[in-house]
Amino acid sequence: MYAIVEIQGQQFRVEKGQKLFVNVLPDAKEGDKVEFERVLLIDNDGTVSVGTPTISGAKVVAEVNGAAKGKKVLVFHKKRRKGYRKLNGHRHQYTSVTINDIVA
């Protein structure tokens, strides 16, 4: 059984027991239970339910594992023959969640 759910504007294919990294969930602390109610599709052993745009009454229950950071992204600017060089970088913030249940 799997579901396609929208979390923070991104769509994920999730299954029970799966761990994934999503964009930062505000007000979510480690150990909290969160519910995602924007379920777009559910496949229950070959029986597919497609929402218009979402499936009413369906939700995905997950547990927050904590915060994580992505790989460092370097941004380099240079203007040739001018002696101008600038290096910036950042690391994107993520929240790690484990999918506990898919309620159809």
Protein backbone atom coordinates (compact mmCIF):
# COMPACT_ATOMS: atom_id res chain seq x y z
CA MET A 1 0.00 0.00 0.00
CA TYR A 2 1.31 3.41 -0.91
CA ALA A 3 0.00 6.94 -1.18
CA ILE A 4 0.96 10.14 -2.94
CA VAL A 5 0.73 13.01 -0.50
CA GLU A 6 1.44 16.73 -0.75
CA ILE A 7 3.70 18.04 2.02
CA GLN A 8 4.76 21.70 2.09
CA GLY A 9 3.98 22.12 -1.61
CA GLN A 10 5.90 19.01 -2.75
CA GLN A 11 4.48 15.61 -3.68
CA PHE A 12 5.92 12.43 -2.17
CA ARG A 13 5.21 8.74 -2.75
CA VAL A 14 5.09 7.25 0.76
CA GLU A 15 4.74 3.78 2.25
CA LYS A 16 4.38 2.64 5.85
CA GLY A 17 7.72 2.61 7.68
CA GLN A 18 9.45 4.85 5.12
CA LYS A 19 11.78 7.64 6.27
CA LEU A 20 11.96 10.83 4.24
CA PHE A 21 13.22 14.39 4.38
CA VAL A 22 10.68 17.18 3.81
CA ASN A 23 11.00 20.95 3.87
CA VAL A 24 11.07 22.38 7.38
CA LEU A 25 7.82 21.81 9.26
CA PRO A 26 7.26 24.82 11.52
CA ASP A 27 6.32 24.07 15.13
CA ALA A 28 7.29 20.37 14.76
CA LYS A 29 9.50 19.02 17.51
CA GLU A 30 11.26 15.68 17.69
CA GLY A 31 8.83 12.91 18.66
CA ASP A 32 5.69 14.80 17.59
CA LYS A 33 2.99 13.11 15.53
CA VAL A 34 1.97 15.00 12.39
CA GLU A 35 -0.89 14.33 9.99
CA PHE A 36 -0.84 15.16 6.29
CA GLU A 37 -4.37 15.41 4.94
CA ARG A 38 -3.64 16.38 1.31
CA VAL A 39 -3.63 12.81 -0.01
CA LEU A 40 -3.82 12.81 -3.81
CA LEU A 41 -3.76 9.06 -4.55
CA ILE A 42 -3.92 5.77 -2.64
CA ASP A 43 -3.02 2.35 -4.06
CA ASN A 44 -4.27 -0.46 -1.83
CA ASP A 45 -2.95 -3.71 -3.40
CA GLY A 46 -4.03 -2.79 -6.92
CA THR A 47 -7.15 -0.82 -5.99
CA VAL A 48 -6.34 2.77 -6.93
CA SER A 49 -8.25 5.75 -5.52
CA VAL A 50 -7.57 9.10 -7.16
CA GLY A 51 -8.71 12.35 -5.55
CA THR A 52 -10.26 15.36 -7.23
CA PRO A 53 -7.91 16.97 -6.18
CA THR A 54 -7.69 15.20 -2.79
CA ILE A 55 -9.30 12.13 -1.24
CA SER A 56 -11.71 13.17 1.51
CA GLY A 57 -11.17 11.42 4.84
CA ALA A 58 -7.72 10.10 3.90
CA LYS A 59 -4.59 11.09 5.80
CA VAL A 60 -1.01 10.05 6.37
CA VAL A 61 0.25 9.89 9.97
CA ALA A 62 3.97 10.44 10.54
CA GLU A 63 6.38 10.95 13.41
CA VAL A 64 9.05 13.66 13.43
CA ASN A 65 12.60 12.34 13.86
CA GLY A 66 14.30 15.72 14.04
CA ALA A 67 15.99 18.36 11.92
CA ALA A 68 18.56 17.74 9.20
CA LYS A 69 20.64 19.76 6.78
CA GLY A 70 21.21 19.13 3.10
CA LYS A 71 24.52 19.23 1.28
CA LYS A 72 26.29 22.54 1.01
CA VAL A 73 25.52 24.50 -2.16
CA LEU A 74 28.22 26.94 -3.31
CA VAL A 75 27.36 30.02 -5.36
CA PHE A 76 30.36 31.65 -7.06
CA HIS A 77 30.21 35.03 -8.84
CA LYS A 78 33.03 36.39 -10.95
CA LYS A 79 33.46 39.28 -13.36
CA ARG A 80 36.31 38.66 -15.71
CA ARG A 81 39.24 41.07 -15.87
CA LYS A 82 37.86 43.12 -12.97
CA GLY A 83 39.30 41.21 -10.01
CA TYR A 84 35.80 40.64 -8.64
CA ARG A 85 35.12 37.28 -7.01
CA LYS A 86 32.46 36.40 -4.47
CA LEU A 87 31.69 33.02 -2.91
CA ASN A 88 28.49 32.34 -1.00
CA GLY A 89 26.95 29.11 0.16
CA HIS A 90 24.07 27.70 2.13
CA ARG A 91 22.67 24.42 3.43
CA HIS A 92 18.95 23.78 3.06
CA GLN A 93 17.05 22.85 6.24
CA TYR A 94 14.93 19.69 6.30
CA THR A 95 12.74 17.82 8.76
CA SER A 96 13.16 14.04 8.94
CA VAL A 97 9.88 12.10 9.30
CA THR A 98 8.91 8.42 9.49
CA ILE A 99 5.58 7.35 8.01
CA ASN A 100 3.60 5.40 10.62
CA ASP A 101 0.23 4.84 8.95
CA ILE A 102 -1.84 5.53 5.86
CA VAL A 103 -5.54 5.97 6.66
CA ALA A 104 -7.80 5.53 3.63
